[in-house]
Amino acid sequence: MAKELQIVGFRLGRETFGLPISLVHEIVRPPEITNVPQAPEYVEGVMNLRGRIVPVIDLRRRFGSTGSENKRKNRVLVVDVESHAVGLVVDSASEVLKISDAQIEPPPNVFADATTNYVTGVAKYQGRLIILVDLRKIVQMGELRLPAVDA
């Protein structure tokens, strides 16, 4: 029997991406985000989430897209990356998708490039393709580095 994964689906432009539900703490409407001077261009800034300062990354810019969907539908996925909370701005967050292992194929060789090696697989789900991503690689690639967690 195939193992079933629970994935939080989100959209960037016309594409649907997915993250394991275990990494997503919550989905919120974009709060006021404070700019951080000289941060990489894809870092939106920081937000105050119930007294906790959380860095915010605009995934559209992180993936090289300049356009954005309807701002009213934008959401911030608050995710856990190596014990650090990070906010990810997306065009919209869809539903929790239940996908079996049998529906997931390994990423095509085109994703082996260093700039796209964050793709872990492509799921075929109800007639559409869901790009599954490695959150750690998205956050760690480029100039952004999270501080090490003390053991």
C-alpha atoms as a PDB file:
ATOM      1  CA  MET A   1       0.000   0.000   0.000  1.00  0.00           C
ATOM      2  CA  ALA A   2       1.332   3.423  -0.970  1.00  0.00           C
ATOM      3  CA  LYS A   3       2.176   5.921   1.744  1.00  0.00           C
ATOM      4  CA  GLU A   4       0.078   9.088   1.724  1.00  0.00           C
ATOM      5  CA  LEU A   5       1.699  12.502   2.187  1.00  0.00           C
ATOM      6  CA  GLN A   6      -0.113  15.604   3.363  1.00  0.00           C
ATOM      7  CA  ILE A   7       1.066  18.645   1.431  1.00  0.00           C
ATOM      8  CA  VAL A   8       0.128  22.310   1.847  1.00  0.00           C
ATOM      9  CA  GLY A   9      -0.475  23.601  -1.652  1.00  0.00           C
ATOM     10  CA  PHE A  10       0.322  27.206  -2.556  1.00  0.00           C
ATOM     11  CA  ARG A  11       0.376  29.196  -5.757  1.00  0.00           C
ATOM     12  CA  LEU A  12       2.960  31.463  -7.285  1.00  0.00           C
ATOM     13  CA  GLY A  13       1.552  32.861 -10.503  1.00  0.00           C
ATOM     14  CA  ARG A  14      -0.093  29.982 -12.347  1.00  0.00           C
ATOM     15  CA  GLU A  15       2.037  27.252 -10.756  1.00  0.00           C
ATOM     16  CA  THR A  16       1.143  25.158  -7.729  1.00  0.00           C
ATOM     17  CA  PHE A  17       3.856  24.170  -5.266  1.00  0.00           C
ATOM     18  CA  GLY A  18       3.724  21.974  -2.205  1.00  0.00           C
ATOM     19  CA  LEU A  19       5.381  21.693   1.195  1.00  0.00           C
ATOM     20  CA  PRO A  20       4.949  18.945   3.784  1.00  0.00           C
ATOM     21  CA  ILE A  21       2.239  19.995   6.232  1.00  0.00           C
ATOM     22  CA  SER A  22       4.564  19.195   9.138  1.00  0.00           C
ATOM     23  CA  LEU A  23       6.705  22.239   8.254  1.00  0.00           C
ATOM     24  CA  VAL A  24       3.832  24.743   8.074  1.00  0.00           C
ATOM     25  CA  HIS A  25       2.850  26.224  11.435  1.00  0.00           C
ATOM     26  CA  GLU A  26       0.188  28.584  10.182  1.00  0.00           C
ATOM     27  CA  ILE A  27      -1.043  30.617   7.241  1.00  0.00           C
ATOM     28  CA  VAL A  28      -1.738  34.305   7.851  1.00  0.00           C
ATOM     29  CA  ARG A  29      -2.755  37.374   5.889  1.00  0.00           C
ATOM     30  CA  PRO A  30       0.281  39.561   5.208  1.00  0.00           C
ATOM     31  CA  PRO A  31       0.810  41.791   8.262  1.00  0.00           C
ATOM     32  CA  GLU A  32       2.839  44.974   8.242  1.00  0.00           C
ATOM     33  CA  ILE A  33       6.323  44.013   7.123  1.00  0.00           C
ATOM     34  CA  THR A  34       9.315  46.140   8.133  1.00  0.00           C
ATOM     35  CA  ASN A  35      12.009  46.554   5.492  1.00  0.00           C
ATOM     36  CA  VAL A  36      15.540  45.417   6.366  1.00  0.00           C
ATOM     37  CA  PRO A  37      18.205  47.667   4.765  1.00  0.00           C
ATOM     38  CA  GLN A  38      20.708  45.936   2.473  1.00  0.00           C
ATOM     39  CA  ALA A  39      18.922  42.598   2.676  1.00  0.00           C
ATOM     40  CA  PRO A  40      18.855  40.400  -0.448  1.00  0.00           C
ATOM     41  CA  GLU A  41      16.168  41.607  -2.865  1.00  0.00           C
ATOM     42  CA  TYR A  42      13.925  38.598  -2.191  1.00  0.00           C
ATOM     43  CA  VAL A  43      13.814  39.297   1.569  1.00  0.00           C
ATOM     44  CA  GLU A  44      10.632  41.270   2.114  1.00  0.00           C
ATOM     45  CA  GLY A  45      11.704  42.217   5.652  1.00  0.00           C
ATOM     46  CA  VAL A  46      10.598  41.121   9.102  1.00  0.00           C
ATOM     47  CA  MET A  47       7.190  40.845  10.718  1.00  0.00           C
ATOM     48  CA  ASN A  48       5.996  40.774  14.294  1.00  0.00           C
ATOM     49  CA  LEU A  49       4.038  37.574  14.810  1.00  0.00           C
ATOM     50  CA  ARG A  50       2.516  37.741  18.285  1.00  0.00           C
ATOM     51  CA  GLY A  51       5.695  39.221  19.770  1.00  0.00           C
ATOM     52  CA  ARG A  52       8.094  37.068  17.750  1.00  0.00           C
ATOM     53  CA  ILE A  53      10.214  38.687  15.014  1.00  0.00           C
ATOM     54  CA  VAL A  54      10.074  36.521  11.878  1.00  0.00           C
ATOM     55  CA  PRO A  55      12.042  37.073   8.641  1.00  0.00           C
ATOM     56  CA  VAL A  56       9.835  37.190   5.547  1.00  0.00           C
ATOM     57  CA  ILE A  57      10.874  35.946   2.104  1.00  0.00           C
ATOM     58  CA  ASP A  58       8.892  36.770  -1.029  1.00  0.00           C
ATOM     59  CA  LEU A  59       8.912  33.450  -2.875  1.00  0.00           C
ATOM     60  CA  ARG A  60       7.914  35.116  -6.147  1.00  0.00           C
ATOM     61  CA  ARG A  61      11.135  37.128  -6.106  1.00  0.00           C
ATOM     62  CA  ARG A  62      13.099  34.143  -4.747  1.00  0.00           C
ATOM     63  CA  PHE A  63      12.101  32.169  -7.816  1.00  0.00           C
ATOM     64  CA  GLY A  64      12.882  35.086 -10.142  1.00  0.00           C
ATOM     65  CA  SER A  65       9.346  36.265 -10.871  1.00  0.00           C
ATOM     66  CA  THR A  66       8.505  39.953 -10.778  1.00  0.00           C
ATOM     67  CA  GLY A  67       4.730  39.786 -11.190  1.00  0.00           C
ATOM     68  CA  SER A  68       2.293  39.126  -8.407  1.00  0.00           C
ATOM     69  CA  GLU A  69      -1.260  37.966  -8.189  1.00  0.00           C
ATOM     70  CA  ASN A  70      -4.120  39.750  -6.463  1.00  0.00           C
ATOM     71  CA  LYS A  71      -2.719  41.205  -3.234  1.00  0.00           C
ATOM     72  CA  ARG A  72      -5.954  40.395  -1.379  1.00  0.00           C
ATOM     73  CA  LYS A  73      -5.336  36.681  -1.866  1.00  0.00           C
ATOM     74  CA  ASN A  74      -1.669  36.825  -0.812  1.00  0.00           C
ATOM     75  CA  ARG A  75      -0.771  34.814   2.250  1.00  0.00           C
ATOM     76  CA  VAL A  76       2.261  34.297   4.443  1.00  0.00           C
ATOM     77  CA  LEU A  77       3.101  30.691   5.196  1.00  0.00           C
ATOM     78  CA  VAL A  78       4.841  30.596   8.575  1.00  0.00           C
ATOM     79  CA  VAL A  79       7.159  27.632   8.287  1.00  0.00           C
ATOM     80  CA  ASP A  80       9.815  25.925  10.357  1.00  0.00           C
ATOM     81  CA  VAL A  81      13.300  25.797   8.845  1.00  0.00           C
ATOM     82  CA  GLU A  82      15.854  24.138  11.102  1.00  0.00           C
ATOM     83  CA  SER A  83      14.029  25.323  14.250  1.00  0.00           C
ATOM     84  CA  HIS A  84      13.610  28.882  12.944  1.00  0.00           C
ATOM     85  CA  ALA A  85      10.306  30.460  11.973  1.00  0.00           C
ATOM     86  CA  VAL A  86      10.337  32.011   8.493  1.00  0.00           C
ATOM     87  CA  GLY A  87       7.472  33.688   6.636  1.00  0.00           C
ATOM     88  CA  LEU A  88       6.999  32.936   2.948  1.00  0.00           C
ATOM     89  CA  VAL A  89       4.877  35.338   0.891  1.00  0.00           C
ATOM     90  CA  VAL A  90       2.855  33.441  -1.717  1.00  0.00           C
ATOM     91  CA  ASP A  91       0.108  34.476  -4.130  1.00  0.00           C
ATOM     92  CA  SER A  92      -2.392  32.211  -2.418  1.00  0.00           C
ATOM     93  CA  ALA A  93      -2.465  29.171  -0.194  1.00  0.00           C
ATOM     94  CA  SER A  94      -4.783  26.464  -1.355  1.00  0.00           C
ATOM     95  CA  GLU A  95      -5.834  23.368   0.441  1.00  0.00           C
ATOM     96  CA  VAL A  96      -4.105  20.495   2.172  1.00  0.00           C
ATOM     97  CA  LEU A  97      -3.506  17.902  -0.521  1.00  0.00           C
ATOM     98  CA  LYS A  98      -3.327  14.183   0.220  1.00  0.00           C
ATOM     99  CA  ILE A  99      -0.917  12.679  -2.290  1.00  0.00           C
ATOM    100  CA  SER A 100       0.249   9.068  -2.410  1.00  0.00           C
ATOM    101  CA  ASP A 101       3.877   8.150  -3.086  1.00  0.00           C
ATOM    102  CA  ALA A 102       2.724   6.545  -6.343  1.00  0.00           C
ATOM    103  CA  GLN A 103       1.630   9.978  -7.647  1.00  0.00           C
ATOM    104  CA  ILE A 104       5.094  11.516  -7.118  1.00  0.00           C
ATOM    105  CA  GLU A 105       7.869  11.302  -9.664  1.00  0.00           C
ATOM    106  CA  PRO A 106      11.486  12.323  -9.084  1.00  0.00           C
ATOM    107  CA  PRO A 107      12.375  15.765 -10.412  1.00  0.00           C
ATOM    108  CA  PRO A 108      13.413  15.865 -14.074  1.00  0.00           C
ATOM    109  CA  ASN A 109      17.129  16.400 -14.737  1.00  0.00           C
ATOM    110  CA  VAL A 110      16.450  20.050 -15.581  1.00  0.00           C
ATOM    111  CA  PHE A 111      16.043  20.652 -11.827  1.00  0.00           C
ATOM    112  CA  ALA A 112      19.525  19.330 -11.011  1.00  0.00           C
ATOM    113  CA  ASP A 113      20.976  22.793 -11.731  1.00  0.00           C
ATOM    114  CA  ALA A 114      22.246  24.533  -8.582  1.00  0.00           C
ATOM    115  CA  THR A 115      19.627  27.290  -8.895  1.00  0.00           C
ATOM    116  CA  THR A 116      16.699  24.863  -9.091  1.00  0.00           C
ATOM    117  CA  ASN A 117      17.881  21.946  -6.962  1.00  0.00           C
ATOM    118  CA  TYR A 118      15.193  22.761  -4.389  1.00  0.00           C
ATOM    119  CA  VAL A 119      12.664  20.670  -6.354  1.00  0.00           C
ATOM    120  CA  THR A 120      12.263  17.265  -4.691  1.00  0.00           C
ATOM    121  CA  GLY A 121       9.596  15.841  -6.954  1.00  0.00           C
ATOM    122  CA  VAL A 122       6.598  16.483  -9.137  1.00  0.00           C
ATOM    123  CA  ALA A 123       3.201  15.137  -8.087  1.00  0.00           C
ATOM    124  CA  LYS A 124       0.367  14.360 -10.455  1.00  0.00           C
ATOM    125  CA  TYR A 125      -2.764  15.376  -8.583  1.00  0.00           C
ATOM    126  CA  GLN A 126      -6.260  15.573 -10.095  1.00  0.00           C
ATOM    127  CA  GLY A 127      -5.026  16.446 -13.571  1.00  0.00           C
ATOM    128  CA  ARG A 128      -2.474  19.042 -12.503  1.00  0.00           C
ATOM    129  CA  LEU A 129       1.177  19.052 -11.544  1.00  0.00           C
ATOM    130  CA  ILE A 130       2.333  20.065  -8.066  1.00  0.00           C
ATOM    131  CA  ILE A 131       6.004  20.985  -7.700  1.00  0.00           C
ATOM    132  CA  LEU A 132       7.269  19.660  -4.366  1.00  0.00           C
ATOM    133  CA  VAL A 133      10.052  21.740  -2.848  1.00  0.00           C
ATOM    134  CA  ASP A 134      12.760  21.405  -0.201  1.00  0.00           C
ATOM    135  CA  LEU A 135      12.184  24.359   2.080  1.00  0.00           C
ATOM    136  CA  ARG A 136      15.671  24.251   3.596  1.00  0.00           C
ATOM    137  CA  LYS A 137      17.296  24.583   0.176  1.00  0.00           C
ATOM    138  CA  ILE A 138      15.039  27.490  -0.797  1.00  0.00           C
ATOM    139  CA  VAL A 139      15.863  29.426   2.359  1.00  0.00           C
ATOM    140  CA  GLN A 140      19.564  28.546   2.507  1.00  0.00           C
ATOM    141  CA  MET A 141      20.450  29.118  -1.150  1.00  0.00           C
ATOM    142  CA  GLY A 142      21.967  32.443  -2.037  1.00  0.00           C
ATOM    143  CA  GLU A 143      22.892  35.079   0.501  1.00  0.00           C
ATOM    144  CA  LEU A 144      20.357  34.290   3.218  1.00  0.00           C
ATOM    145  CA  ARG A 145      21.725  32.244   6.094  1.00  0.00           C
ATOM    146  CA  LEU A 146      19.885  31.337   9.243  1.00  0.00           C
ATOM    147  CA  PRO A 147      21.872  31.305  12.464  1.00  0.00           C
ATOM    148  CA  ALA A 148      22.963  27.924  13.758  1.00  0.00           C
ATOM    149  CA  VAL A 149      20.818  26.434  16.471  1.00  0.00           C
ATOM    150  CA  ASP A 150      22.651  25.803  19.738  1.00  0.00           C
ATOM    151  CA  ALA A 151      22.677  22.161  20.739  1.00  0.00           C
END
